[in-house]
């Protein structure tokens, strides 16, 4: 995670146009990239996906210096969309926190 990766980042032509224009998934990716407040979204993980593993994968891809910023945000947004469904929360809802990974004993 320290040096980042692009291993799961799709080539630009494989990312749907909706992720290049921006949507809830790319807004979440942008917020995570910049360390800003998360948008008010409800996150429901699809069967077989683990929140902690997805968080590590997303962070690793956002930390990469290999791809251009727009490609990274569109690709990570699309990656999140494959693992979770985001639903806008009410205007007065608190942002949904992304779970921190559990500490493991060495």
N, C-alpha and C. Protein backbone atom coordinates (compact mmCIF):
# COMPACT_ATOMS: atom_id res chain seq x y z
N UNK A 1 0.81 -1.18 0.00
CA UNK A 1 0.00 0.00 0.00
C UNK A 1 0.86 1.26 0.00
N UNK A 2 2.05 1.21 0.55
CA UNK A 2 2.87 2.41 0.69
C UNK A 2 3.24 3.04 -0.65
N UNK A 3 3.49 2.24 -1.66
CA UNK A 3 3.95 2.77 -2.94
C UNK A 3 2.86 2.82 -4.00
N UNK A 4 1.73 2.26 -3.72
CA UNK A 4 0.63 2.27 -4.67
C UNK A 4 0.77 1.22 -5.75
N UNK A 5 -0.30 1.05 -6.50
CA UNK A 5 -0.34 0.08 -7.58
C UNK A 5 -1.36 0.52 -8.61
N UNK A 6 -1.25 -0.01 -9.80
CA UNK A 6 -2.27 0.19 -10.83
C UNK A 6 -2.72 -1.17 -11.36
N UNK A 7 -2.43 -2.21 -10.60
CA UNK A 7 -2.68 -3.57 -11.05
C UNK A 7 -4.13 -3.82 -11.44
N UNK A 8 -5.08 -3.25 -10.73
CA UNK A 8 -6.50 -3.47 -11.03
C UNK A 8 -7.13 -2.31 -11.79
N UNK A 9 -6.34 -1.32 -12.15
CA UNK A 9 -6.86 -0.16 -12.88
C UNK A 9 -7.02 -0.53 -14.36
N UNK A 10 -8.25 -0.42 -14.83
CA UNK A 10 -8.52 -0.76 -16.22
C UNK A 10 -7.92 0.29 -17.15
N UNK A 11 -7.64 -0.08 -18.41
CA UNK A 11 -7.19 0.92 -19.37
C UNK A 11 -8.32 1.93 -19.59
N UNK A 12 -7.99 3.17 -19.95
CA UNK A 12 -9.01 4.21 -20.10
C UNK A 12 -10.19 3.82 -20.98
N UNK A 13 -9.93 3.13 -22.07
CA UNK A 13 -11.02 2.79 -23.00
C UNK A 13 -11.99 1.76 -22.42
N UNK A 14 -11.62 1.06 -21.35
CA UNK A 14 -12.50 0.06 -20.75
C UNK A 14 -13.37 0.63 -19.63
N UNK A 15 -13.16 1.89 -19.28
CA UNK A 15 -13.93 2.53 -18.20
C UNK A 15 -15.13 3.24 -18.82
N UNK A 16 -16.35 2.94 -18.36
CA UNK A 16 -17.54 3.57 -18.93
C UNK A 16 -17.50 5.10 -18.82
N UNK A 17 -18.10 5.74 -19.80
CA UNK A 17 -18.12 7.20 -19.89
C UNK A 17 -18.67 7.87 -18.64
N UNK A 18 -19.65 7.27 -17.99
CA UNK A 18 -20.26 7.86 -16.79
C UNK A 18 -19.23 8.11 -15.70
N UNK A 19 -18.16 7.34 -15.70
CA UNK A 19 -17.13 7.51 -14.66
C UNK A 19 -16.13 8.60 -15.05
N UNK A 20 -16.08 8.98 -16.29
CA UNK A 20 -15.23 10.08 -16.73
C UNK A 20 -15.93 11.41 -16.47
N UNK A 21 -17.26 11.42 -16.56
CA UNK A 21 -18.03 12.65 -16.33
C UNK A 21 -18.19 12.92 -14.84
N UNK A 22 -18.15 11.89 -14.03
CA UNK A 22 -18.30 12.04 -12.58
C UNK A 22 -19.65 11.55 -12.11
N UNK A 23 -19.65 10.89 -10.97
CA UNK A 23 -20.85 10.38 -10.35
C UNK A 23 -20.55 10.14 -8.87
N UNK A 24 -21.46 9.51 -8.15
CA UNK A 24 -21.26 9.29 -6.72
C UNK A 24 -19.99 8.48 -6.44
N UNK A 25 -19.68 7.54 -7.31
CA UNK A 25 -18.50 6.69 -7.11
C UNK A 25 -17.20 7.48 -7.29
N UNK A 26 -17.17 8.34 -8.28
CA UNK A 26 -15.96 9.16 -8.47
C UNK A 26 -15.88 10.25 -7.42
N UNK A 27 -17.02 10.73 -6.93
CA UNK A 27 -17.00 11.71 -5.83
C UNK A 27 -16.38 11.08 -4.59
N UNK A 28 -16.72 9.83 -4.32
CA UNK A 28 -16.13 9.11 -3.19
C UNK A 28 -14.63 8.94 -3.41
N UNK A 29 -14.24 8.54 -4.61
CA UNK A 29 -12.81 8.36 -4.91
C UNK A 29 -12.06 9.68 -4.74
N UNK A 30 -12.62 10.78 -5.22
CA UNK A 30 -11.99 12.10 -5.06
C UNK A 30 -11.83 12.47 -3.59
N UNK A 31 -12.89 12.25 -2.80
CA UNK A 31 -12.83 12.58 -1.37
C UNK A 31 -11.74 11.76 -0.68
N UNK A 32 -11.64 10.48 -1.02
CA UNK A 32 -10.60 9.64 -0.43
C UNK A 32 -9.21 10.09 -0.89
N UNK A 33 -9.08 10.46 -2.15
CA UNK A 33 -7.80 10.91 -2.69
C UNK A 33 -7.31 12.16 -1.96
N UNK A 34 -8.20 13.13 -1.80
CA UNK A 34 -7.82 14.40 -1.19
C UNK A 34 -7.91 14.40 0.34
N UNK A 35 -8.48 13.36 0.92
CA UNK A 35 -8.61 13.31 2.37
C UNK A 35 -9.67 14.29 2.87
N UNK A 36 -10.64 14.59 2.02
CA UNK A 36 -11.69 15.53 2.39
C UNK A 36 -12.91 14.77 2.93
N UNK A 37 -13.92 15.52 3.38
CA UNK A 37 -15.13 14.91 3.91
C UNK A 37 -15.77 14.03 2.84
N UNK A 38 -16.25 12.90 3.27
CA UNK A 38 -16.89 11.97 2.34
C UNK A 38 -18.28 12.48 2.00
N UNK A 39 -18.71 12.28 0.76
CA UNK A 39 -20.07 12.70 0.39
C UNK A 39 -21.09 11.88 1.17
N UNK A 40 -22.28 12.45 1.43
CA UNK A 40 -23.29 11.71 2.19
C UNK A 40 -23.90 10.58 1.36
N UNK A 41 -23.33 9.41 1.51
CA UNK A 41 -23.74 8.23 0.74
C UNK A 41 -23.93 7.04 1.66
N UNK A 42 -24.87 6.21 1.33
CA UNK A 42 -25.01 4.93 1.99
C UNK A 42 -24.26 3.92 1.14
N UNK A 43 -23.44 3.10 1.78
CA UNK A 43 -22.63 2.13 1.07
C UNK A 43 -23.12 0.73 1.40
N UNK A 44 -23.51 -0.02 0.37
CA UNK A 44 -23.92 -1.41 0.56
C UNK A 44 -23.00 -2.28 -0.29
N UNK A 45 -22.25 -3.15 0.37
CA UNK A 45 -21.32 -3.99 -0.35
C UNK A 45 -22.04 -5.17 -0.99
N UNK A 46 -21.63 -5.48 -2.19
CA UNK A 46 -22.22 -6.60 -2.93
C UNK A 46 -21.71 -7.90 -2.32
N UNK A 47 -22.47 -8.99 -2.47
CA UNK A 47 -22.05 -10.28 -1.90
C UNK A 47 -20.64 -10.66 -2.36
N UNK A 48 -19.86 -11.12 -1.41
CA UNK A 48 -18.51 -11.59 -1.71
C UNK A 48 -17.44 -10.52 -1.60
N UNK A 49 -17.82 -9.27 -1.34
CA UNK A 49 -16.84 -8.20 -1.22
C UNK A 49 -16.69 -7.79 0.23
N UNK A 50 -15.45 -7.60 0.64
CA UNK A 50 -15.11 -7.24 2.01
C UNK A 50 -14.74 -5.76 2.06
N UNK A 51 -15.36 -5.02 2.97
CA UNK A 51 -15.13 -3.58 3.07
C UNK A 51 -13.66 -3.26 3.35
N UNK A 52 -13.03 -3.99 4.21
CA UNK A 52 -11.64 -3.69 4.55
C UNK A 52 -10.69 -3.97 3.40
N UNK A 53 -10.90 -5.05 2.70
CA UNK A 53 -10.06 -5.34 1.54
C UNK A 53 -10.25 -4.32 0.44
N UNK A 54 -11.51 -3.95 0.19
CA UNK A 54 -11.77 -2.94 -0.83
C UNK A 54 -11.12 -1.62 -0.44
N UNK A 55 -11.19 -1.26 0.81
CA UNK A 55 -10.56 -0.01 1.26
C UNK A 55 -9.07 -0.02 0.97
N UNK A 56 -8.40 -1.12 1.26
CA UNK A 56 -6.96 -1.22 1.00
C UNK A 56 -6.66 -1.15 -0.50
N UNK A 57 -7.48 -1.82 -1.30
CA UNK A 57 -7.29 -1.80 -2.75
C UNK A 57 -7.47 -0.38 -3.29
N UNK A 58 -8.53 0.29 -2.85
CA UNK A 58 -8.80 1.65 -3.30
C UNK A 58 -7.66 2.57 -2.90
N UNK A 59 -7.26 2.52 -1.65
CA UNK A 59 -6.16 3.39 -1.17
C UNK A 59 -4.86 3.12 -1.94
N UNK A 60 -4.58 1.87 -2.21
CA UNK A 60 -3.35 1.54 -2.95
C UNK A 60 -3.37 2.11 -4.36
N UNK A 61 -4.51 2.07 -5.00
CA UNK A 61 -4.62 2.61 -6.35
C UNK A 61 -4.59 4.14 -6.34
N UNK A 62 -5.19 4.74 -5.34
CA UNK A 62 -5.16 6.21 -5.25
C UNK A 62 -3.75 6.73 -4.93
N UNK A 63 -2.94 5.91 -4.28
CA UNK A 63 -1.57 6.31 -3.92
C UNK A 63 -0.59 6.18 -5.09
N UNK A 64 -0.99 5.53 -6.15
CA UNK A 64 -0.09 5.30 -7.28
C UNK A 64 0.23 6.61 -8.01
N UNK A 65 1.44 6.72 -8.46
CA UNK A 65 1.88 7.88 -9.25
C UNK A 65 1.92 7.55 -10.74
N UNK A 66 1.54 6.33 -11.11
CA UNK A 66 1.70 5.88 -12.49
C UNK A 66 0.68 6.44 -13.47
N UNK A 67 -0.55 6.58 -13.06
CA UNK A 67 -1.58 7.01 -14.01
C UNK A 67 -1.94 8.48 -13.82
N UNK A 68 -2.57 9.05 -14.84
CA UNK A 68 -3.02 10.43 -14.74
C UNK A 68 -4.18 10.49 -13.74
N UNK A 69 -4.35 11.66 -13.13
CA UNK A 69 -5.35 11.81 -12.08
C UNK A 69 -6.76 11.44 -12.57
N UNK A 70 -7.17 11.95 -13.73
CA UNK A 70 -8.52 11.67 -14.23
C UNK A 70 -8.74 10.17 -14.46
N UNK A 71 -7.73 9.51 -14.99
CA UNK A 71 -7.81 8.07 -15.23
C UNK A 71 -7.92 7.33 -13.89
N UNK A 72 -7.14 7.75 -12.94
CA UNK A 72 -7.14 7.11 -11.62
C UNK A 72 -8.50 7.24 -10.96
N UNK A 73 -9.07 8.45 -10.95
CA UNK A 73 -10.35 8.69 -10.28
C UNK A 73 -11.47 7.93 -11.00
N UNK A 74 -11.50 7.98 -12.33
CA UNK A 74 -12.52 7.25 -13.08
C UNK A 74 -12.39 5.74 -12.85
N UNK A 75 -11.17 5.25 -12.89
CA UNK A 75 -10.94 3.81 -12.71
C UNK A 75 -11.25 3.34 -11.31
N UNK A 76 -10.86 4.11 -10.30
CA UNK A 76 -11.15 3.72 -8.92
C UNK A 76 -12.66 3.83 -8.66
N UNK A 77 -13.30 4.85 -9.21
CA UNK A 77 -14.76 4.94 -9.07
C UNK A 77 -15.44 3.72 -9.66
N UNK A 78 -14.99 3.31 -10.83
CA UNK A 78 -15.56 2.12 -11.48
C UNK A 78 -15.27 0.87 -10.65
N UNK A 79 -14.09 0.79 -10.08
CA UNK A 79 -13.72 -0.34 -9.22
C UNK A 79 -14.66 -0.41 -8.01
N UNK A 80 -14.92 0.73 -7.39
CA UNK A 80 -15.84 0.77 -6.25
C UNK A 80 -17.23 0.31 -6.68
N UNK A 81 -17.66 0.74 -7.86
CA UNK A 81 -18.99 0.37 -8.37
C UNK A 81 -19.13 -1.13 -8.58
N UNK A 82 -18.04 -1.81 -8.85
CA UNK A 82 -18.09 -3.26 -9.04
C UNK A 82 -18.29 -3.99 -7.72
N UNK A 83 -17.90 -3.34 -6.60
CA UNK A 83 -17.94 -4.00 -5.30
C UNK A 83 -19.04 -3.50 -4.37
N UNK A 84 -19.59 -2.32 -4.67
CA UNK A 84 -20.56 -1.74 -3.74
C UNK A 84 -21.58 -0.91 -4.50
N UNK A 85 -22.71 -0.71 -3.86
CA UNK A 85 -23.74 0.17 -4.38
C UNK A 85 -23.80 1.39 -3.47
N UNK A 86 -23.70 2.57 -4.05
CA UNK A 86 -23.79 3.81 -3.28
C UNK A 86 -25.15 4.44 -3.51
N UNK A 87 -25.75 4.89 -2.45
CA UNK A 87 -27.04 5.55 -2.51
C UNK A 87 -26.93 6.89 -1.79
N UNK A 88 -27.35 7.98 -2.42
CA UNK A 88 -27.29 9.27 -1.72
C UNK A 88 -28.13 9.21 -0.44
N UNK A 89 -27.52 9.70 0.64
CA UNK A 89 -28.23 9.78 1.92
C UNK A 89 -29.02 11.08 1.95
N UNK A 90 -29.83 11.25 2.93
CA UNK A 90 -30.59 12.49 3.04
C UNK A 90 -29.63 13.66 3.20
N UNK A 91 -30.10 14.85 2.90
CA UNK A 91 -29.26 16.05 2.95
C UNK A 91 -28.73 16.29 4.36
N UNK A 92 -29.40 15.78 5.36
CA UNK A 92 -28.99 16.03 6.74
C UNK A 92 -28.19 14.87 7.34
N UNK A 93 -27.92 13.86 6.56
CA UNK A 93 -27.22 12.68 7.06
C UNK A 93 -25.72 12.97 7.18
N UNK A 94 -25.10 12.29 8.11
CA UNK A 94 -23.65 12.37 8.26
C UNK A 94 -23.01 11.55 7.14
N UNK A 95 -21.83 11.96 6.67
CA UNK A 95 -21.14 11.14 5.66
C UNK A 95 -20.89 9.73 6.19
N UNK A 96 -20.93 8.75 5.29
CA UNK A 96 -20.70 7.36 5.66
C UNK A 96 -19.20 7.13 5.75
N UNK A 97 -18.69 6.75 6.94
CA UNK A 97 -17.25 6.52 7.05
C UNK A 97 -16.82 5.24 6.33
N UNK A 98 -15.63 5.26 5.78
CA UNK A 98 -15.05 4.06 5.19
C UNK A 98 -14.36 3.33 6.35
N UNK A 99 -14.70 2.07 6.59
CA UNK A 99 -14.13 1.36 7.75
C UNK A 99 -12.61 1.31 7.70
N UNK A 100 -12.02 1.52 8.86
CA UNK A 100 -10.57 1.38 9.00
C UNK A 100 -10.22 -0.09 9.04
N UNK A 101 -9.06 -0.46 8.50
CA UNK A 101 -8.68 -1.88 8.59
C UNK A 101 -8.38 -2.28 10.03
N UNK A 102 -8.71 -3.49 10.36
CA UNK A 102 -8.41 -3.99 11.69
C UNK A 102 -6.91 -4.22 11.82
N UNK A 103 -6.40 -3.88 12.99
CA UNK A 103 -4.98 -4.12 13.25
C UNK A 103 -4.76 -5.61 13.40
N UNK A 104 -3.68 -6.09 12.81
CA UNK A 104 -3.35 -7.51 12.95
C UNK A 104 -2.05 -7.62 13.70
N UNK A 105 -1.97 -8.63 14.52
CA UNK A 105 -0.77 -8.86 15.31
C UNK A 105 0.36 -9.36 14.40
N UNK A 106 1.58 -8.87 14.61
CA UNK A 106 2.69 -9.34 13.77
C UNK A 106 3.05 -10.78 14.01
